[in-house]
Amino acid sequence: MQKIVLVLLVVAALAAGLLFWQMQSAAPSQLPASGPQILSIEFPKQITADGNEVSGKVHFRAPSGMLVRADFQVVKAMLFTSFSFDPQVHNEKQGMFKFSISTVIPQQVTLRVTLTDEQGRTSPAKEFSFTVNPAPFNSETP
């Protein structure tokens, strides 16, 4: 009988240890509020396919104050390339940075934006869409 009680105690201790280990290893991923956040994205709903750069803004909060990368991932487009860059907003816990987009192809574009801080924490993604209208036809008359 003592052996059964001892085996049950050992099994209970192992189960408690496993549960504690799982809770400890899951804790960092359950803290999204401590990582960067995208507050809003400003960009025109329509741009022209003339190759000229159009500026936009990303408003953010970064508790660490150290954003190191902004990723713009293509979700939907006919022909558009994803891009990333360092937003150069070091030591800012809240603010905004600019980005610019240009294209010569009329299309509908949806981009997914994420921000990454120096600890590798990534913000929840935020999407925005815009229409690229054909450039006006420019004909010379004699």
N, C-alpha and C. Protein backbone atom coordinates (compact mmCIF):
# COMPACT_ATOMS: atom_id res chain seq x y z
N MET A 1 0.81 -1.18 0.00
CA MET A 1 0.00 0.00 0.00
C MET A 1 0.87 1.26 0.00
N GLN A 2 1.98 1.21 0.77
CA GLN A 2 2.87 2.38 0.81
C GLN A 2 3.47 2.66 -0.56
N LYS A 3 3.76 1.61 -1.32
CA LYS A 3 4.33 1.80 -2.65
C LYS A 3 3.33 2.50 -3.56
N ILE A 4 2.07 2.17 -3.47
CA ILE A 4 1.04 2.79 -4.31
C ILE A 4 0.91 4.27 -3.97
N VAL A 5 0.90 4.59 -2.69
CA VAL A 5 0.80 5.98 -2.25
C VAL A 5 2.03 6.75 -2.73
N LEU A 6 3.21 6.16 -2.62
CA LEU A 6 4.44 6.80 -3.06
C LEU A 6 4.42 7.03 -4.57
N VAL A 7 3.97 6.06 -5.35
CA VAL A 7 3.87 6.21 -6.81
C VAL A 7 2.89 7.33 -7.15
N LEU A 8 1.73 7.38 -6.46
CA LEU A 8 0.75 8.43 -6.70
C LEU A 8 1.32 9.81 -6.38
N LEU A 9 2.08 9.93 -5.30
CA LEU A 9 2.71 11.21 -4.94
C LEU A 9 3.73 11.64 -6.00
N VAL A 10 4.50 10.71 -6.49
CA VAL A 10 5.49 11.02 -7.52
C VAL A 10 4.79 11.47 -8.81
N VAL A 11 3.74 10.77 -9.22
CA VAL A 11 2.98 11.13 -10.42
C VAL A 11 2.36 12.52 -10.24
N ALA A 12 1.79 12.80 -9.07
CA ALA A 12 1.18 14.11 -8.81
C ALA A 12 2.23 15.21 -8.87
N ALA A 13 3.42 14.96 -8.30
CA ALA A 13 4.50 15.95 -8.32
C ALA A 13 4.97 16.20 -9.75
N LEU A 14 5.08 15.15 -10.55
CA LEU A 14 5.48 15.31 -11.95
C LEU A 14 4.43 16.09 -12.73
N ALA A 15 3.17 15.80 -12.51
CA ALA A 15 2.08 16.51 -13.20
C ALA A 15 2.09 17.99 -12.82
N ALA A 16 2.27 18.28 -11.53
CA ALA A 16 2.32 19.67 -11.09
C ALA A 16 3.52 20.39 -11.69
N GLY A 17 4.65 19.72 -11.75
CA GLY A 17 5.85 20.31 -12.37
C GLY A 17 5.65 20.58 -13.85
N LEU A 18 5.02 19.65 -14.55
CA LEU A 18 4.75 19.83 -15.98
C LEU A 18 3.79 21.00 -16.20
N LEU A 19 2.75 21.09 -15.38
CA LEU A 19 1.80 22.19 -15.48
C LEU A 19 2.50 23.53 -15.23
N PHE A 20 3.33 23.60 -14.21
CA PHE A 20 4.07 24.83 -13.90
C PHE A 20 5.00 25.21 -15.06
N TRP A 21 5.69 24.25 -15.64
CA TRP A 21 6.60 24.50 -16.76
C TRP A 21 5.84 25.04 -17.98
N GLN A 22 4.67 24.44 -18.27
CA GLN A 22 3.86 24.91 -19.40
C GLN A 22 3.38 26.34 -19.18
N MET A 23 3.00 26.68 -17.96
CA MET A 23 2.54 28.03 -17.67
C MET A 23 3.69 29.03 -17.82
N GLN A 24 4.88 28.65 -17.39
CA GLN A 24 6.03 29.54 -17.49
C GLN A 24 6.45 29.76 -18.94
N SER A 25 6.43 28.71 -19.74
CA SER A 25 6.86 28.84 -21.13
C SER A 25 5.81 29.54 -21.97
N ALA A 26 4.55 29.54 -21.58
CA ALA A 26 3.49 30.22 -22.33
C ALA A 26 3.36 31.68 -21.94
N ALA A 27 3.87 32.09 -20.80
CA ALA A 27 3.68 33.44 -20.30
C ALA A 27 4.17 34.54 -21.24
N PRO A 28 5.38 34.49 -21.83
CA PRO A 28 5.82 35.60 -22.67
C PRO A 28 4.91 35.87 -23.86
N SER A 29 4.35 34.86 -24.48
CA SER A 29 3.50 35.08 -25.65
C SER A 29 2.13 35.62 -25.26
N GLN A 30 1.81 35.65 -23.98
CA GLN A 30 0.52 36.16 -23.54
C GLN A 30 0.61 37.62 -23.11
N LEU A 31 1.68 38.33 -23.51
CA LEU A 31 1.86 39.72 -23.13
C LEU A 31 1.93 40.63 -24.33
N PRO A 32 0.92 40.61 -25.23
CA PRO A 32 1.01 41.44 -26.42
C PRO A 32 0.99 42.93 -26.11
N ALA A 33 0.43 43.33 -24.97
CA ALA A 33 0.34 44.74 -24.64
C ALA A 33 1.72 45.36 -24.42
N SER A 34 2.74 44.55 -24.08
CA SER A 34 4.07 45.10 -23.85
C SER A 34 4.84 45.30 -25.15
N GLY A 35 4.36 44.73 -26.24
CA GLY A 35 5.02 44.89 -27.53
C GLY A 35 4.47 46.10 -28.27
N PRO A 36 4.98 46.34 -29.48
CA PRO A 36 4.51 47.50 -30.25
C PRO A 36 3.07 47.32 -30.71
N GLN A 37 2.42 48.45 -30.96
CA GLN A 37 1.04 48.45 -31.45
C GLN A 37 0.92 49.50 -32.54
N ILE A 38 0.15 49.19 -33.57
CA ILE A 38 -0.18 50.16 -34.62
C ILE A 38 -1.49 50.81 -34.20
N LEU A 39 -1.46 52.12 -33.99
CA LEU A 39 -2.66 52.83 -33.59
C LEU A 39 -3.54 53.17 -34.79
N SER A 40 -2.91 53.60 -35.88
CA SER A 40 -3.66 53.89 -37.10
C SER A 40 -2.70 54.03 -38.28
N ILE A 41 -3.25 53.93 -39.47
CA ILE A 41 -2.49 54.11 -40.70
C ILE A 41 -3.22 55.14 -41.56
N GLU A 42 -2.49 56.15 -41.99
CA GLU A 42 -3.05 57.17 -42.87
C GLU A 42 -2.46 56.98 -44.26
N PHE A 43 -3.33 56.76 -45.24
CA PHE A 43 -2.91 56.65 -46.63
C PHE A 43 -4.13 56.91 -47.50
N PRO A 44 -3.97 57.62 -48.63
CA PRO A 44 -5.13 57.90 -49.48
C PRO A 44 -5.81 56.62 -49.96
N LYS A 45 -7.12 56.69 -50.14
CA LYS A 45 -7.89 55.54 -50.64
C LYS A 45 -7.63 55.32 -52.13
N GLN A 46 -7.16 56.37 -52.82
CA GLN A 46 -6.88 56.26 -54.24
C GLN A 46 -5.59 57.01 -54.57
N ILE A 47 -4.76 56.40 -55.41
CA ILE A 47 -3.56 57.06 -55.92
C ILE A 47 -3.54 56.85 -57.44
N THR A 48 -2.62 57.53 -58.10
CA THR A 48 -2.52 57.44 -59.56
C THR A 48 -1.31 56.61 -59.95
N ALA A 49 -1.47 55.80 -60.98
CA ALA A 49 -0.40 54.92 -61.47
C ALA A 49 0.55 55.70 -62.37
N ASP A 50 1.19 56.72 -61.79
CA ASP A 50 2.10 57.55 -62.58
C ASP A 50 3.55 57.45 -62.12
N GLY A 51 3.83 56.58 -61.16
CA GLY A 51 5.20 56.39 -60.67
C GLY A 51 5.64 57.40 -59.62
N ASN A 52 4.80 58.39 -59.32
CA ASN A 52 5.14 59.37 -58.29
C ASN A 52 4.89 58.79 -56.91
N GLU A 53 5.78 59.10 -55.97
CA GLU A 53 5.62 58.59 -54.61
C GLU A 53 4.48 59.29 -53.90
N VAL A 54 3.69 58.49 -53.17
CA VAL A 54 2.60 59.00 -52.35
C VAL A 54 2.92 58.65 -50.90
N SER A 55 2.88 59.65 -50.02
CA SER A 55 3.26 59.44 -48.62
C SER A 55 2.09 59.00 -47.77
N GLY A 56 2.41 58.21 -46.76
CA GLY A 56 1.46 57.78 -45.75
C GLY A 56 2.12 57.87 -44.39
N LYS A 57 1.34 57.64 -43.35
CA LYS A 57 1.86 57.69 -41.97
C LYS A 57 1.35 56.49 -41.19
N VAL A 58 2.22 55.96 -40.32
CA VAL A 58 1.84 54.92 -39.37
C VAL A 58 1.97 55.53 -37.98
N HIS A 59 0.88 55.55 -37.23
CA HIS A 59 0.89 56.02 -35.84
C HIS A 59 1.05 54.78 -34.97
N PHE A 60 1.95 54.85 -34.00
CA PHE A 60 2.30 53.65 -33.23
C PHE A 60 2.47 53.95 -31.75
N ARG A 61 2.50 52.87 -30.98
CA ARG A 61 2.90 52.89 -29.57
C ARG A 61 3.90 51.76 -29.40
N ALA A 62 5.04 52.07 -28.77
CA ALA A 62 6.10 51.07 -28.55
C ALA A 62 6.64 51.25 -27.13
N PRO A 63 6.12 50.47 -26.17
CA PRO A 63 6.55 50.63 -24.78
C PRO A 63 8.06 50.57 -24.59
N SER A 64 8.76 49.78 -25.41
CA SER A 64 10.21 49.69 -25.28
C SER A 64 10.91 50.93 -25.84
N GLY A 65 10.21 51.67 -26.69
CA GLY A 65 10.80 52.85 -27.31
C GLY A 65 11.80 52.51 -28.39
N MET A 66 11.85 51.25 -28.83
CA MET A 66 12.87 50.84 -29.79
C MET A 66 12.27 50.04 -30.95
N LEU A 67 11.54 50.70 -31.84
CA LEU A 67 11.09 50.02 -33.06
C LEU A 67 12.27 49.86 -33.99
N VAL A 68 12.42 48.68 -34.57
CA VAL A 68 13.55 48.45 -35.48
C VAL A 68 13.12 48.08 -36.89
N ARG A 69 11.82 47.72 -37.07
CA ARG A 69 11.40 47.33 -38.42
C ARG A 69 9.90 47.53 -38.60
N ALA A 70 9.57 48.00 -39.80
CA ALA A 70 8.18 48.07 -40.24
C ALA A 70 8.07 47.19 -41.48
N ASP A 71 7.16 46.23 -41.46
CA ASP A 71 6.97 45.31 -42.58
C ASP A 71 5.63 45.60 -43.24
N PHE A 72 5.65 45.75 -44.56
CA PHE A 72 4.45 45.96 -45.37
C PHE A 72 4.33 44.75 -46.29
N GLN A 73 3.47 43.82 -45.92
CA GLN A 73 3.30 42.55 -46.63
C GLN A 73 2.11 42.65 -47.58
N VAL A 74 2.29 42.25 -48.83
CA VAL A 74 1.19 42.27 -49.79
C VAL A 74 0.19 41.18 -49.45
N VAL A 75 -1.07 41.58 -49.29
CA VAL A 75 -2.16 40.65 -49.07
C VAL A 75 -2.88 40.42 -50.40
N LYS A 76 -3.10 41.52 -51.13
CA LYS A 76 -3.80 41.43 -52.41
C LYS A 76 -3.24 42.50 -53.34
N ALA A 77 -2.90 42.10 -54.56
CA ALA A 77 -2.45 43.03 -55.58
C ALA A 77 -2.25 42.25 -56.87
N MET A 78 -2.27 42.97 -57.98
CA MET A 78 -1.97 42.33 -59.25
C MET A 78 -0.45 42.17 -59.38
N LEU A 79 0.27 43.26 -59.15
CA LEU A 79 1.73 43.23 -59.21
C LEU A 79 2.26 44.31 -58.30
N PHE A 80 2.68 43.91 -57.10
CA PHE A 80 3.17 44.84 -56.10
C PHE A 80 4.14 44.06 -55.21
N THR A 81 5.17 44.71 -54.72
CA THR A 81 6.20 44.03 -53.93
C THR A 81 6.11 44.42 -52.46
N SER A 82 6.18 43.43 -51.58
CA SER A 82 6.26 43.69 -50.14
C SER A 82 7.56 44.43 -49.85
N PHE A 83 7.57 45.19 -48.75
CA PHE A 83 8.80 45.91 -48.39
C PHE A 83 8.89 46.08 -46.88
N SER A 84 10.11 46.30 -46.41
CA SER A 84 10.40 46.51 -44.99
C SER A 84 11.45 47.61 -44.88
N PHE A 85 11.44 48.29 -43.73
CA PHE A 85 12.48 49.29 -43.47
C PHE A 85 12.53 49.61 -41.99
N ASP A 86 13.63 50.24 -41.58
CA ASP A 86 13.79 50.73 -40.22
C ASP A 86 13.11 52.10 -40.17
N PRO A 87 12.06 52.26 -39.36
CA PRO A 87 11.33 53.52 -39.35
C PRO A 87 12.08 54.69 -38.70
N GLN A 88 13.25 54.44 -38.15
CA GLN A 88 14.09 55.50 -37.56
C GLN A 88 13.35 56.31 -36.48
N VAL A 89 12.69 55.61 -35.59
CA VAL A 89 11.98 56.26 -34.48
C VAL A 89 12.49 55.72 -33.14
N HIS A 90 13.80 55.63 -33.02
CA HIS A 90 14.40 55.09 -31.80
C HIS A 90 14.13 56.01 -30.61
N ASN A 91 13.90 55.39 -29.46
CA ASN A 91 13.63 56.09 -28.20
C ASN A 91 12.30 56.85 -28.20
N GLU A 92 11.38 56.48 -29.06
CA GLU A 92 10.04 57.06 -29.07
C GLU A 92 9.04 55.99 -28.64
N LYS A 93 8.33 56.26 -27.56
CA LYS A 93 7.34 55.29 -27.06
C LYS A 93 6.00 55.44 -27.75
N GLN A 94 5.76 56.58 -28.36
CA GLN A 94 4.54 56.79 -29.12
C GLN A 94 4.84 57.87 -30.15
N GLY A 95 4.31 57.70 -31.34
CA GLY A 95 4.56 58.69 -32.37
C GLY A 95 4.08 58.22 -33.72
N MET A 96 4.78 58.70 -34.76
CA MET A 96 4.41 58.36 -36.11
C MET A 96 5.65 58.37 -36.98
N PHE A 97 5.60 57.57 -38.05
CA PHE A 97 6.66 57.63 -39.05
C PHE A 97 6.00 57.58 -40.42
N LYS A 98 6.74 58.09 -41.42
CA LYS A 98 6.21 58.16 -42.78
C LYS A 98 6.72 57.00 -43.63
N PHE A 99 5.94 56.66 -44.63
CA PHE A 99 6.34 55.70 -45.65
C PHE A 99 5.83 56.24 -46.97
N SER A 100 6.35 55.73 -48.07
CA SER A 100 5.84 56.16 -49.37
C SER A 100 5.71 54.97 -50.31
N ILE A 101 4.76 55.11 -51.22
CA ILE A 101 4.42 54.05 -52.17
C ILE A 101 4.29 54.67 -53.55
N SER A 102 4.79 53.95 -54.55
CA SER A 102 4.58 54.36 -55.94
C SER A 102 4.40 53.12 -56.81
N THR A 103 3.68 53.29 -57.90
CA THR A 103 3.47 52.21 -58.85
C THR A 103 3.01 52.81 -60.17
N VAL A 104 3.18 52.05 -61.23
CA VAL A 104 2.70 52.48 -62.55
C VAL A 104 1.63 51.51 -63.06
N ILE A 105 1.17 50.61 -62.19
CA ILE A 105 0.19 49.60 -62.59
C ILE A 105 -1.14 49.86 -61.90
N PRO A 106 -2.19 50.15 -62.67
CA PRO A 106 -3.52 50.30 -62.07
C PRO A 106 -3.96 48.97 -61.44
N GLN A 107 -4.43 49.03 -60.19
CA GLN A 107 -4.80 47.81 -59.48
C GLN A 107 -5.41 48.15 -58.12
N GLN A 108 -5.96 47.14 -57.47
CA GLN A 108 -6.42 47.26 -56.09
C GLN A 108 -5.35 46.61 -55.23
N VAL A 109 -4.89 47.32 -54.17
CA VAL A 109 -3.80 46.81 -53.32
C VAL A 109 -4.27 46.77 -51.86
N THR A 110 -3.97 45.67 -51.19
CA THR A 110 -4.16 45.56 -49.75
C THR A 110 -2.83 45.15 -49.14
N LEU A 111 -2.38 45.92 -48.14
CA LEU A 111 -1.11 45.63 -47.45
C LEU A 111 -1.39 45.35 -45.98
N ARG A 112 -0.60 44.46 -45.40
CA ARG A 112 -0.66 44.12 -43.97
C ARG A 112 0.62 44.65 -43.33
N VAL A 113 0.46 45.50 -42.33
CA VAL A 113 1.60 46.14 -41.68
C VAL A 113 1.82 45.54 -40.30
N THR A 114 3.08 45.26 -39.97
CA THR A 114 3.47 44.86 -38.62
C THR A 114 4.72 45.63 -38.23
N LEU A 115 4.87 45.85 -36.95
CA LEU A 115 6.05 46.54 -36.41
C LEU A 115 6.78 45.59 -35.48
N THR A 116 8.10 45.69 -35.46
CA THR A 116 8.92 44.82 -34.61
C THR A 116 9.85 45.69 -33.77
N ASP A 117 9.95 45.37 -32.47
CA ASP A 117 10.86 46.11 -31.61
C ASP A 117 12.17 45.35 -31.44
N GLU A 118 13.13 45.94 -30.73
CA GLU A 118 14.46 45.34 -30.63
C GLU A 118 14.47 44.02 -29.86
N GLN A 119 13.42 43.74 -29.07
CA GLN A 119 13.33 42.44 -28.38
C GLN A 119 12.71 41.38 -29.27
N GLY A 120 12.33 41.75 -30.50
CA GLY A 120 11.73 40.80 -31.43
C GLY A 120 10.23 40.66 -31.29
N ARG A 121 9.62 41.48 -30.45
CA ARG A 121 8.16 41.43 -30.30
C ARG A 121 7.53 42.12 -31.51
N THR A 122 6.48 41.49 -32.03
CA THR A 122 5.81 42.00 -33.23
C THR A 122 4.41 42.46 -32.87
N SER A 123 4.02 43.57 -33.45
CA SER A 123 2.68 44.12 -33.22
C SER A 123 1.62 43.23 -33.88
N PRO A 124 0.38 43.33 -33.41
CA PRO A 124 -0.70 42.73 -34.18
C PRO A 124 -0.75 43.43 -35.55
N ALA A 125 -1.07 42.67 -36.58
CA ALA A 125 -1.09 43.22 -37.94
C ALA A 125 -2.29 44.14 -38.12
N LYS A 126 -2.09 45.14 -38.97
CA LYS A 126 -3.17 46.05 -39.36
C LYS A 126 -3.11 46.18 -40.88
N GLU A 127 -4.26 46.06 -41.54
CA GLU A 127 -4.31 46.12 -43.00
C GLU A 127 -4.89 47.45 -43.47
N PHE A 128 -4.46 47.86 -44.66
CA PHE A 128 -5.09 48.99 -45.33
C PHE A 128 -5.09 48.71 -46.82
N SER A 129 -6.05 49.33 -47.51
CA SER A 129 -6.23 49.09 -48.94
C SER A 129 -6.32 50.42 -49.67
N PHE A 130 -5.96 50.39 -50.94
CA PHE A 130 -6.08 51.56 -51.79
C PHE A 130 -6.22 51.11 -53.24
N THR A 131 -6.80 51.99 -54.04
CA THR A 131 -6.97 51.74 -55.46
C THR A 131 -5.95 52.57 -56.22
N VAL A 132 -5.30 51.96 -57.19
CA VAL A 132 -4.36 52.66 -58.06
C VAL A 132 -5.08 52.89 -59.38
N ASN A 133 -5.42 54.15 -59.65
CA ASN A 133 -6.14 54.51 -60.87
C ASN A 133 -5.17 54.73 -62.02
N PRO A 134 -5.61 54.49 -63.27
CA PRO A 134 -4.74 54.74 -64.42
C PRO A 134 -4.33 56.21 -64.49
N ALA A 135 -3.11 56.43 -64.93
CA ALA A 135 -2.65 57.81 -65.11
C ALA A 135 -3.41 58.43 -66.27
N PRO A 136 -3.70 59.71 -66.19
CA PRO A 136 -4.42 60.35 -67.30
C PRO A 136 -3.58 60.28 -68.57
N PHE A 137 -4.28 60.08 -69.69
CA PHE A 137 -3.61 60.02 -70.99
C PHE A 137 -3.18 61.42 -71.36
N ASN A 138 -1.91 61.54 -71.70
CA ASN A 138 -1.36 62.86 -72.03
C ASN A 138 -0.98 62.87 -73.50
N SER A 139 -1.80 63.45 -74.34
CA SER A 139 -1.50 63.48 -75.75
C SER A 139 -1.15 64.90 -76.19
N GLU A 140 -0.22 64.98 -77.08
CA GLU A 140 0.17 66.28 -77.60
C GLU A 140 -0.64 66.56 -78.85
N THR A 141 -1.18 67.76 -78.96
CA THR A 141 -1.94 68.13 -80.14
C THR A 141 -1.10 69.07 -80.99
N PRO A 142 -1.14 68.90 -82.33
CA PRO A 142 -0.31 69.75 -83.20
C PRO A 142 -0.81 71.17 -83.27
